[in-house]
């Protein structure tokens, strides 16, 4: 079966959230007057959240390809 249309929404949402995280990280790194430790922290947190978001996307794509399009059917 072709599951391409069902993958569009998760991919688009993931890209938008990743762009948001990148923007927030860039904002904190580029602003003067913020201590270096705070800049490092505000760079690491979005990177970790972005990695989790990509992991969730991969999991969701596997679910869709496996035929489990509706997560609510489990409950």
PDB file of N, CA and C in Angstrom:
ATOM      1  N   UNK A   1       0.822  -1.191   0.000  1.00  0.00           N
ATOM      2  CA  UNK A   1       0.000   0.000   0.000  1.00  0.00           C
ATOM      3  C   UNK A   1       0.870   1.259   0.000  1.00  0.00           C
ATOM      4  N   UNK A   2       0.302   2.313  -0.519  1.00  0.00           N
ATOM      5  CA  UNK A   2       0.999   3.588  -0.543  1.00  0.00           C
ATOM      6  C   UNK A   2       0.600   4.394   0.692  1.00  0.00           C
ATOM      7  N   UNK A   3       1.553   4.603   1.578  1.00  0.00           N
ATOM      8  CA  UNK A   3       1.294   5.338   2.813  1.00  0.00           C
ATOM      9  C   UNK A   3       1.908   6.729   2.777  1.00  0.00           C
ATOM     10  N   UNK A   4       2.281   7.204   1.606  1.00  0.00           N
ATOM     11  CA  UNK A   4       2.972   8.482   1.481  1.00  0.00           C
ATOM     12  C   UNK A   4       2.184   9.665   2.002  1.00  0.00           C
ATOM     13  N   UNK A   5       0.869   9.694   1.731  1.00  0.00           N
ATOM     14  CA  UNK A   5       0.060  10.824   2.180  1.00  0.00           C
ATOM     15  C   UNK A   5      -0.044  10.874   3.700  1.00  0.00           C
ATOM     16  N   UNK A   6      -0.016   9.720   4.339  1.00  0.00           N
ATOM     17  CA  UNK A   6      -0.135   9.690   5.801  1.00  0.00           C
ATOM     18  C   UNK A   6       1.160  10.097   6.484  1.00  0.00           C
ATOM     19  N   UNK A   7       2.255  10.112   5.746  1.00  0.00           N
ATOM     20  CA  UNK A   7       3.553  10.502   6.311  1.00  0.00           C
ATOM     21  C   UNK A   7       3.818  12.002   6.175  1.00  0.00           C
ATOM     22  N   UNK A   8       3.037  12.688   5.372  1.00  0.00           N
ATOM     23  CA  UNK A   8       3.300  14.099   5.111  1.00  0.00           C
ATOM     24  C   UNK A   8       3.167  14.936   6.375  1.00  0.00           C
ATOM     25  N   UNK A   9       2.087  14.762   7.112  1.00  0.00           N
ATOM     26  CA  UNK A   9       1.852  15.589   8.308  1.00  0.00           C
ATOM     27  C   UNK A   9       2.946  15.420   9.359  1.00  0.00           C
ATOM     28  N   UNK A  10       3.319  14.189   9.733  1.00  0.00           N
ATOM     29  CA  UNK A  10       4.392  14.066  10.726  1.00  0.00           C
ATOM     30  C   UNK A  10       5.717  14.664  10.259  1.00  0.00           C
ATOM     31  N   UNK A  11       6.025  14.535   8.978  1.00  0.00           N
ATOM     32  CA  UNK A  11       7.277  15.070   8.449  1.00  0.00           C
ATOM     33  C   UNK A  11       7.250  16.601   8.473  1.00  0.00           C
ATOM     34  N   UNK A  12       6.141  17.191   8.055  1.00  0.00           N
ATOM     35  CA  UNK A  12       6.028  18.650   8.040  1.00  0.00           C
ATOM     36  C   UNK A  12       6.108  19.206   9.456  1.00  0.00           C
ATOM     37  N   UNK A  13       5.402  18.582  10.390  1.00  0.00           N
ATOM     38  CA  UNK A  13       5.424  19.048  11.776  1.00  0.00           C
ATOM     39  C   UNK A  13       6.835  18.932  12.348  1.00  0.00           C
ATOM     40  N   UNK A  14       7.511  17.842  12.064  1.00  0.00           N
ATOM     41  CA  UNK A  14       8.879  17.661  12.555  1.00  0.00           C
ATOM     42  C   UNK A  14       9.804  18.735  11.989  1.00  0.00           C
ATOM     43  N   UNK A  15       9.692  19.020  10.711  1.00  0.00           N
ATOM     44  CA  UNK A  15      10.534  20.056  10.098  1.00  0.00           C
ATOM     45  C   UNK A  15      10.267  21.420  10.724  1.00  0.00           C
ATOM     46  N   UNK A  16       8.999  21.747  10.943  1.00  0.00           N
ATOM     47  CA  UNK A  16       8.664  23.032  11.550  1.00  0.00           C
ATOM     48  C   UNK A  16       9.198  23.148  12.977  1.00  0.00           C
ATOM     49  N   UNK A  17       9.064  22.086  13.750  1.00  0.00           N
ATOM     50  CA  UNK A  17       9.562  22.113  15.127  1.00  0.00           C
ATOM     51  C   UNK A  17      11.088  22.202  15.138  1.00  0.00           C
ATOM     52  N   UNK A  18      11.753  21.486  14.242  1.00  0.00           N
ATOM     53  CA  UNK A  18      13.213  21.561  14.163  1.00  0.00           C
ATOM     54  C   UNK A  18      13.669  22.970  13.773  1.00  0.00           C
ATOM     55  N   UNK A  19      12.966  23.596  12.848  1.00  0.00           N
ATOM     56  CA  UNK A  19      13.305  24.976  12.484  1.00  0.00           C
ATOM     57  C   UNK A  19      13.121  25.913  13.670  1.00  0.00           C
ATOM     58  N   UNK A  20      12.090  25.687  14.463  1.00  0.00           N
ATOM     59  CA  UNK A  20      11.869  26.488  15.663  1.00  0.00           C
ATOM     60  C   UNK A  20      13.023  26.298  16.646  1.00  0.00           C
ATOM     61  N   UNK A  21      13.420  25.054  16.878  1.00  0.00           N
ATOM     62  CA  UNK A  21      14.529  24.776  17.801  1.00  0.00           C
ATOM     63  C   UNK A  21      15.828  25.407  17.310  1.00  0.00           C
ATOM     64  N   UNK A  22      16.075  25.329  16.011  1.00  0.00           N
ATOM     65  CA  UNK A  22      17.284  25.932  15.449  1.00  0.00           C
ATOM     66  C   UNK A  22      17.251  27.445  15.634  1.00  0.00           C
ATOM     67  N   UNK A  23      16.096  28.039  15.390  1.00  0.00           N
ATOM     68  CA  UNK A  23      15.960  29.480  15.565  1.00  0.00           C
ATOM     69  C   UNK A  23      16.176  29.916  17.004  1.00  0.00           C
ATOM     70  N   UNK A  24      15.609  29.181  17.940  1.00  0.00           N
ATOM     71  CA  UNK A  24      15.784  29.514  19.355  1.00  0.00           C
ATOM     72  C   UNK A  24      17.243  29.363  19.775  1.00  0.00           C
ATOM     73  N   UNK A  25      17.886  28.293  19.331  1.00  0.00           N
ATOM     74  CA  UNK A  25      19.293  28.089  19.672  1.00  0.00           C
ATOM     75  C   UNK A  25      20.156  29.202  19.082  1.00  0.00           C
ATOM     76  N   UNK A  26      19.899  29.564  17.838  1.00  0.00           N
ATOM     77  CA  UNK A  26      20.668  30.637  17.195  1.00  0.00           C
ATOM     78  C   UNK A  26      20.447  31.961  17.908  1.00  0.00           C
ATOM     79  N   UNK A  27      19.227  32.208  18.323  1.00  0.00           N
ATOM     80  CA  UNK A  27      18.921  33.448  19.037  1.00  0.00           C
ATOM     81  C   UNK A  27      19.733  33.559  20.321  1.00  0.00           C
ATOM     82  N   UNK A  28      19.777  32.498  21.100  1.00  0.00           N
ATOM     83  CA  UNK A  28      20.511  32.542  22.358  1.00  0.00           C
ATOM     84  C   UNK A  28      22.014  32.621  22.144  1.00  0.00           C
ATOM     85  N   UNK A  29      22.519  32.000  21.093  1.00  0.00           N
ATOM     86  CA  UNK A  29      23.956  32.033  20.836  1.00  0.00           C
ATOM     87  C   UNK A  29      24.384  33.414  20.330  1.00  0.00           C
ATOM     88  N   UNK A  30      23.548  34.062  19.544  1.00  0.00           N
ATOM     89  CA  UNK A  30      23.924  35.322  18.926  1.00  0.00           C
ATOM     90  C   UNK A  30      23.717  36.548  19.814  1.00  0.00           C
ATOM     91  N   UNK A  31      22.901  36.429  20.845  1.00  0.00           N
ATOM     92  CA  UNK A  31      22.619  37.574  21.713  1.00  0.00           C
ATOM     93  C   UNK A  31      23.801  37.804  22.647  1.00  0.00           C
ATOM     94  N   UNK A  32      24.270  39.045  22.682  1.00  0.00           N
ATOM     95  CA  UNK A  32      25.368  39.397  23.584  1.00  0.00           C
ATOM     96  C   UNK A  32      24.837  39.599  24.998  1.00  0.00           C
ATOM     97  N   UNK A  33      25.706  39.415  25.964  1.00  0.00           N
ATOM     98  CA  UNK A  33      25.342  39.647  27.352  1.00  0.00           C
ATOM     99  C   UNK A  33      24.860  38.411  28.082  1.00  0.00           C
ATOM    100  N   UNK A  34      24.686  37.310  27.382  1.00  0.00           N
ATOM    101  CA  UNK A  34      24.275  36.064  28.032  1.00  0.00           C
ATOM    102  C   UNK A  34      25.543  35.300  28.398  1.00  0.00           C
ATOM    103  N   UNK A  35      25.645  34.821  29.636  1.00  0.00           N
ATOM    104  CA  UNK A  35      26.844  34.069  30.044  1.00  0.00           C
ATOM    105  C   UNK A  35      27.064  32.836  29.164  1.00  0.00           C
ATOM    106  N   UNK A  36      28.324  32.453  29.020  1.00  0.00           N
ATOM    107  CA  UNK A  36      28.693  31.329  28.156  1.00  0.00           C
ATOM    108  C   UNK A  36      28.014  30.024  28.578  1.00  0.00           C
ATOM    109  N   UNK A  37      27.906  29.784  29.876  1.00  0.00           N
ATOM    110  CA  UNK A  37      27.259  28.558  30.356  1.00  0.00           C
ATOM    111  C   UNK A  37      25.786  28.522  29.946  1.00  0.00           C
ATOM    112  N   UNK A  38      25.132  29.665  30.022  1.00  0.00           N
ATOM    113  CA  UNK A  38      23.724  29.732  29.624  1.00  0.00           C
ATOM    114  C   UNK A  38      23.586  29.526  28.120  1.00  0.00           C
ATOM    115  N   UNK A  39      24.506  30.090  27.344  1.00  0.00           N
ATOM    116  CA  UNK A  39      24.474  29.884  25.895  1.00  0.00           C
ATOM    117  C   UNK A  39      24.649  28.397  25.558  1.00  0.00           C
ATOM    118  N   UNK A  40      25.584  27.750  26.248  1.00  0.00           N
ATOM    119  CA  UNK A  40      25.822  26.330  26.005  1.00  0.00           C
ATOM    120  C   UNK A  40      24.585  25.513  26.356  1.00  0.00           C
ATOM    121  N   UNK A  41      23.969  25.836  27.478  1.00  0.00           N
ATOM    122  CA  UNK A  41      22.766  25.124  27.908  1.00  0.00           C
ATOM    123  C   UNK A  41      21.629  25.333  26.916  1.00  0.00           C
ATOM    124  N   UNK A  42      21.464  26.566  26.458  1.00  0.00           N
ATOM    125  CA  UNK A  42      20.387  26.860  25.525  1.00  0.00           C
ATOM    126  C   UNK A  42      20.693  26.381  24.107  1.00  0.00           C
ATOM    127  N   UNK A  43      21.877  25.879  23.884  1.00  0.00           N
ATOM    128  CA  UNK A  43      22.213  25.234  22.622  1.00  0.00           C
ATOM    129  C   UNK A  43      22.016  23.727  22.730  1.00  0.00           C
ATOM    130  N   UNK A  44      22.363  23.158  23.879  1.00  0.00           N
ATOM    131  CA  UNK A  44      22.270  21.713  24.078  1.00  0.00           C
ATOM    132  C   UNK A  44      20.811  21.260  24.171  1.00  0.00           C
ATOM    133  N   UNK A  45      19.979  22.006  24.875  1.00  0.00           N
ATOM    134  CA  UNK A  45      18.582  21.606  25.064  1.00  0.00           C
ATOM    135  C   UNK A  45      17.833  21.483  23.734  1.00  0.00           C
ATOM    136  N   UNK A  46      17.878  22.480  22.843  1.00  0.00           N
ATOM    137  CA  UNK A  46      17.191  22.303  21.559  1.00  0.00           C
ATOM    138  C   UNK A  46      17.766  21.170  20.708  1.00  0.00           C
ATOM    139  N   UNK A  47      19.066  20.940  20.800  1.00  0.00           N
ATOM    140  CA  UNK A  47      19.663  19.828  20.042  1.00  0.00           C
ATOM    141  C   UNK A  47      19.107  18.492  20.545  1.00  0.00           C
ATOM    142  N   UNK A  48      19.027  18.346  21.857  1.00  0.00           N
ATOM    143  CA  UNK A  48      18.476  17.107  22.423  1.00  0.00           C
ATOM    144  C   UNK A  48      16.999  16.944  22.076  1.00  0.00           C
ATOM    145  N   UNK A  49      16.235  18.015  22.187  1.00  0.00           N
ATOM    146  CA  UNK A  49      14.821  17.945  21.840  1.00  0.00           C
ATOM    147  C   UNK A  49      14.631  17.636  20.355  1.00  0.00           C
ATOM    148  N   UNK A  50      15.487  18.193  19.508  1.00  0.00           N
ATOM    149  CA  UNK A  50      15.425  17.899  18.077  1.00  0.00           C
ATOM    150  C   UNK A  50      15.731  16.439  17.793  1.00  0.00           C
ATOM    151  N   UNK A  51      16.702  15.876  18.498  1.00  0.00           N
ATOM    152  CA  UNK A  51      17.030  14.459  18.321  1.00  0.00           C
ATOM    153  C   UNK A  51      15.858  13.578  18.739  1.00  0.00           C
ATOM    154  N   UNK A  52      15.203  13.936  19.826  1.00  0.00           N
ATOM    155  CA  UNK A  52      14.026  13.183  20.268  1.00  0.00           C
ATOM    156  C   UNK A  52      12.910  13.295  19.235  1.00  0.00           C
ATOM    157  N   UNK A  53      12.729  14.479  18.685  1.00  0.00           N
ATOM    158  CA  UNK A  53      11.686  14.694  17.678  1.00  0.00           C
ATOM    159  C   UNK A  53      11.936  13.838  16.440  1.00  0.00           C
ATOM    160  N   UNK A  54      13.181  13.744  16.005  1.00  0.00           N
ATOM    161  CA  UNK A  54      13.510  12.907  14.843  1.00  0.00           C
ATOM    162  C   UNK A  54      13.275  11.431  15.185  1.00  0.00           C
ATOM    163  N   UNK A  55      13.615  11.024  16.409  1.00  0.00           N
ATOM    164  CA  UNK A  55      13.355   9.650  16.833  1.00  0.00           C
ATOM    165  C   UNK A  55      11.873   9.317  16.825  1.00  0.00           C
ATOM    166  N   UNK A  56      11.050  10.241  17.281  1.00  0.00           N
ATOM    167  CA  UNK A  56       9.605  10.037  17.264  1.00  0.00           C
ATOM    168  C   UNK A  56       9.097   9.954  15.827  1.00  0.00           C
ATOM    169  N   UNK A  57       9.656  10.778  14.943  1.00  0.00           N
ATOM    170  CA  UNK A  57       9.265  10.732  13.529  1.00  0.00           C
ATOM    171  C   UNK A  57       9.593   9.375  12.917  1.00  0.00           C
ATOM    172  N   UNK A  58      10.775   8.880  13.187  1.00  0.00           N
ATOM    173  CA  UNK A  58      11.169   7.569  12.652  1.00  0.00           C
ATOM    174  C   UNK A  58      10.229   6.482  13.171  1.00  0.00           C
ATOM    175  N   UNK A  59       9.893   6.551  14.449  1.00  0.00           N
ATOM    176  CA  UNK A  59       8.968   5.575  15.039  1.00  0.00           C
ATOM    177  C   UNK A  59       7.595   5.663  14.380  1.00  0.00           C
ATOM    178  N   UNK A  60       7.123   6.871  14.159  1.00  0.00           N
ATOM    179  CA  UNK A  60       5.814   7.065  13.539  1.00  0.00           C
ATOM    180  C   UNK A  60       5.801   6.571  12.101  1.00  0.00           C
ATOM    181  N   UNK A  61       6.871   6.802  11.365  1.00  0.00           N
ATOM    182  CA  UNK A  61       6.946   6.306   9.985  1.00  0.00           C
ATOM    183  C   UNK A  61       6.917   4.783   9.969  1.00  0.00           C
ATOM    184  N   UNK A  62       7.610   4.151  10.899  1.00  0.00           N
ATOM    185  CA  UNK A  62       7.582   2.685  10.980  1.00  0.00           C
ATOM    186  C   UNK A  62       6.179   2.185  11.297  1.00  0.00           C
ATOM    187  N   UNK A  63       5.460   2.882  12.176  1.00  0.00           N
ATOM    188  CA  UNK A  63       4.084   2.501  12.487  1.00  0.00           C
ATOM    189  C   UNK A  63       3.202   2.601  11.254  1.00  0.00           C
ATOM    190  N   UNK A  64       3.340   3.684  10.510  1.00  0.00           N
ATOM    191  CA  UNK A  64       2.518   3.879   9.313  1.00  0.00           C
ATOM    192  C   UNK A  64       2.837   2.813   8.278  1.00  0.00           C
ATOM    193  N   UNK A  65       4.115   2.526   8.068  1.00  0.00           N
ATOM    194  CA  UNK A  65       4.496   1.501   7.092  1.00  0.00           C
ATOM    195  C   UNK A  65       4.047   0.119   7.536  1.00  0.00           C
ATOM    196  N   UNK A  66       3.950  -0.101   8.838  1.00  0.00           N
ATOM    197  CA  UNK A  66       3.501  -1.384   9.361  1.00  0.00           C
ATOM    198  C   UNK A  66       1.995  -1.539   9.374  1.00  0.00           C
ATOM    199  N   UNK A  67       1.270  -0.516   8.960  1.00  0.00           N
ATOM    200  CA  UNK A  67      -0.176  -0.615   8.875  1.00  0.00           C
ATOM    201  C   UNK A  67      -0.899  -0.087  10.095  1.00  0.00           C
ATOM    202  N   UNK A  68      -0.187   0.443  11.058  1.00  0.00           N
ATOM    203  CA  UNK A  68      -0.811   0.997  12.265  1.00  0.00           C
ATOM    204  C   UNK A  68      -0.954   2.504  12.099  1.00  0.00           C
ATOM    205  N   UNK A  69      -1.947   2.898  11.295  1.00  0.00           N
ATOM    206  CA  UNK A  69      -2.131   4.321  11.025  1.00  0.00           C
ATOM    207  C   UNK A  69      -2.807   5.051  12.174  1.00  0.00           C
ATOM    208  N   UNK A  70      -3.625   4.351  12.929  1.00  0.00           N
ATOM    209  CA  UNK A  70      -4.415   4.975  13.974  1.00  0.00           C
ATOM    210  C   UNK A  70      -3.942   4.463  15.331  1.00  0.00           C
ATOM    211  N   UNK A  71      -3.247   5.310  16.096  1.00  0.00           N
ATOM    212  CA  UNK A  71      -2.755   4.907  17.412  1.00  0.00           C
ATOM    213  C   UNK A  71      -3.890   4.671  18.398  1.00  0.00           C
ATOM    214  N   UNK A  72      -5.025   5.312  18.201  1.00  0.00           N
ATOM    215  CA  UNK A  72      -6.128   5.186  19.133  1.00  0.00           C
ATOM    216  C   UNK A  72      -6.800   3.820  19.067  1.00  0.00           C
ATOM    217  N   UNK A  73      -6.532   3.047  18.029  1.00  0.00           N
ATOM    218  CA  UNK A  73      -7.166   1.728  17.909  1.00  0.00           C
ATOM    219  C   UNK A  73      -6.666   0.767  18.975  1.00  0.00           C
ATOM    220  N   UNK A  74      -5.556   1.091  19.639  1.00  0.00           N
ATOM    221  CA  UNK A  74      -5.020   0.234  20.699  1.00  0.00           C
ATOM    222  C   UNK A  74      -5.856   0.331  21.976  1.00  0.00           C
ATOM    223  N   UNK A  75      -6.607   1.416  22.128  1.00  0.00           N
ATOM    224  CA  UNK A  75      -7.273   1.680  23.408  1.00  0.00           C
ATOM    225  C   UNK A  75      -8.758   1.507  23.336  1.00  0.00           C
TER     226      UNK A  75
END
